[in-house]
């Protein structure tokens, strides 16, 4: 490459590099409440924290429920039912980083729903679970049972 071409290359490469790195700048691009609203809007139905609680704690015909790995209530660290890996609290009041990155939210719902349901969760199911998780705080968590559902 000749010296004459370097400034042109640099002028082209810099914006391309910035465009490639732009998605990384959006880490923490949302909130749990915004994610709940996104799924509620997609489903066209009103959210129900009670449906979310029941969904989270049900086995859906398989071995596991969401609570099998995340605990019940999901307000303290828990362990994955198969790998034993520690999982940080799921409820946003106990782990403010939860549900703050859209890409991670979509990735983990896809993986975990497939583990529990053998399919992706519907937008309504995701919205309902988030509605329940958002209701969990120190007061409501203390009123919940503390055993994990296998």
Foldseek 3Di string as FASTA:
>chain_A
DDPVCVVVVVVVVVVVVCVVCVLVVCQLVAFLVVLLVVLCVVVVHDAALVLLVCQQQDQQPDDFHVLCACWWVNQAWGAHNPPRDIDGRQQCQNPVSHPRRPVVVVVVQQVVCCVRNVGHDHSRNSSNNSVNSPPDDPVVSVVIDTGGRD
